[in-house]
Amino acid sequence: MALKNGKPNPLNYFDLRKASFQAPHFKYIVLEKNTSNFINQIEHWIINNLNGRYYVGAQLALDHTNSICYATKVGFENEKELSFFNLACPHLQQR
């Protein structure tokens, strides 16, 4: 359990931080890359740099050539965290 700013996160303590389903009120981004290593890196970055609830999962999507592919869907309960994730996550710069 990571302590951010020396304070425990109650969502981590009660194991409520990662949503196991796509909640309709979350804000989402779909990333074309979908490997288990990429998903682990994304989740590790979210846990260490953000505080709110999130969702990470695989789904079918259309890529840039309009072919069906597996993609990674990342969502956040707080829209500000989605914006920060888009701007600051170094794993997104590699796509």
Protein backbone atom coordinates (compact mmCIF):
# COMPACT_ATOMS: atom_id res chain seq x y z
CA MET A 1 0.00 0.00 0.00
CA ALA A 2 1.64 3.21 -1.19
CA LEU A 3 1.53 6.31 0.99
CA LYS A 4 1.20 9.51 -0.97
CA ASN A 5 2.37 12.57 0.97
CA GLY A 6 2.63 10.37 4.08
CA LYS A 7 -1.14 9.85 4.26
CA PRO A 8 -2.88 6.50 3.66
CA ASN A 9 -5.52 6.41 0.94
CA PRO A 10 -8.75 4.91 2.36
CA LEU A 11 -9.67 3.54 -1.10
CA ASN A 12 -6.44 1.51 -1.12
CA TYR A 13 -6.98 0.33 2.44
CA PHE A 14 -10.46 -1.03 1.70
CA ASP A 15 -9.40 -2.32 -1.75
CA LEU A 16 -11.97 -0.09 -3.50
CA ARG A 17 -9.68 1.92 -5.72
CA LYS A 18 -9.70 -0.23 -8.86
CA ALA A 19 -13.18 -0.75 -10.30
CA SER A 20 -13.81 -4.23 -11.66
CA PHE A 21 -16.37 -2.99 -14.20
CA GLN A 22 -16.85 0.00 -16.50
CA ALA A 23 -18.84 2.43 -14.39
CA PRO A 24 -21.04 4.73 -16.51
CA HIS A 25 -20.03 7.87 -14.62
CA PHE A 26 -16.27 7.37 -15.23
CA LYS A 27 -14.49 9.32 -17.99
CA TYR A 28 -12.57 7.04 -20.40
CA ILE A 29 -9.75 6.97 -22.91
CA VAL A 30 -9.09 4.08 -25.30
CA LEU A 31 -5.44 3.23 -26.06
CA GLU A 32 -4.59 1.08 -29.09
CA LYS A 33 -1.76 -0.70 -27.32
CA ASN A 34 -2.82 -3.80 -25.36
CA THR A 35 -0.15 -6.01 -23.84
CA SER A 36 0.01 -7.32 -20.29
CA ASN A 37 3.27 -5.43 -19.71
CA PHE A 38 1.71 -2.16 -20.93
CA ILE A 39 -1.35 -2.63 -18.71
CA ASN A 40 0.87 -3.37 -15.68
CA GLN A 41 2.94 -0.23 -16.34
CA ILE A 42 -0.20 1.90 -16.65
CA GLU A 43 -1.70 0.53 -13.43
CA HIS A 44 1.58 0.97 -11.54
CA TRP A 45 1.80 4.62 -12.69
CA ILE A 46 -1.83 5.29 -11.70
CA ILE A 47 -1.36 3.78 -8.23
CA ASN A 48 1.78 5.83 -7.57
CA ASN A 49 0.67 9.18 -9.02
CA LEU A 50 -3.11 9.49 -8.63
CA ASN A 51 -5.55 9.15 -5.72
CA GLY A 52 -9.02 8.40 -7.06
CA ARG A 53 -10.89 5.38 -8.37
CA TYR A 54 -9.95 4.03 -11.79
CA TYR A 55 -10.66 1.25 -14.28
CA VAL A 56 -8.22 -0.50 -16.65
CA GLY A 57 -9.39 -3.24 -18.97
CA ALA A 58 -9.23 -4.70 -22.46
CA GLN A 59 -11.88 -4.22 -25.10
CA LEU A 60 -12.38 -4.54 -28.84
CA ALA A 61 -11.90 -1.33 -30.81
CA LEU A 62 -11.08 -0.02 -34.27
CA ASP A 63 -7.47 0.97 -34.89
CA HIS A 64 -6.23 3.72 -37.21
CA THR A 65 -6.71 1.43 -40.26
CA ASN A 66 -10.33 0.60 -39.27
CA SER A 67 -9.39 -2.96 -38.37
CA ILE A 68 -10.73 -4.63 -35.25
CA CYS A 69 -8.09 -4.94 -32.54
CA TYR A 70 -7.78 -5.31 -28.80
CA ALA A 71 -7.34 -2.01 -27.01
CA THR A 72 -6.86 -0.87 -23.44
CA LYS A 73 -9.64 1.19 -21.90
CA VAL A 74 -8.62 3.41 -18.99
CA GLY A 75 -11.19 5.35 -16.99
CA PHE A 76 -11.23 7.63 -13.98
CA GLU A 77 -13.99 8.74 -11.66
CA ASN A 78 -12.47 12.22 -11.47
CA GLU A 79 -12.15 13.93 -14.85
CA LYS A 80 -9.15 15.93 -13.61
CA GLU A 81 -7.23 12.70 -13.07
CA LEU A 82 -7.92 11.67 -16.68
CA SER A 83 -6.48 14.97 -17.87
CA PHE A 84 -3.40 14.59 -15.68
CA PHE A 85 -2.98 10.98 -16.86
CA ASN A 86 -3.05 12.11 -20.52
CA LEU A 87 -0.49 14.82 -19.91
CA ALA A 88 1.91 13.21 -17.46
CA CYS A 89 1.99 9.43 -17.97
CA PRO A 90 5.30 8.63 -19.69
CA HIS A 91 3.97 5.33 -21.07
CA LEU A 92 1.53 7.20 -23.33
CA GLN A 93 4.33 9.13 -25.03
CA GLN A 94 5.59 5.87 -26.56
CA ARG A 95 2.46 5.18 -28.60
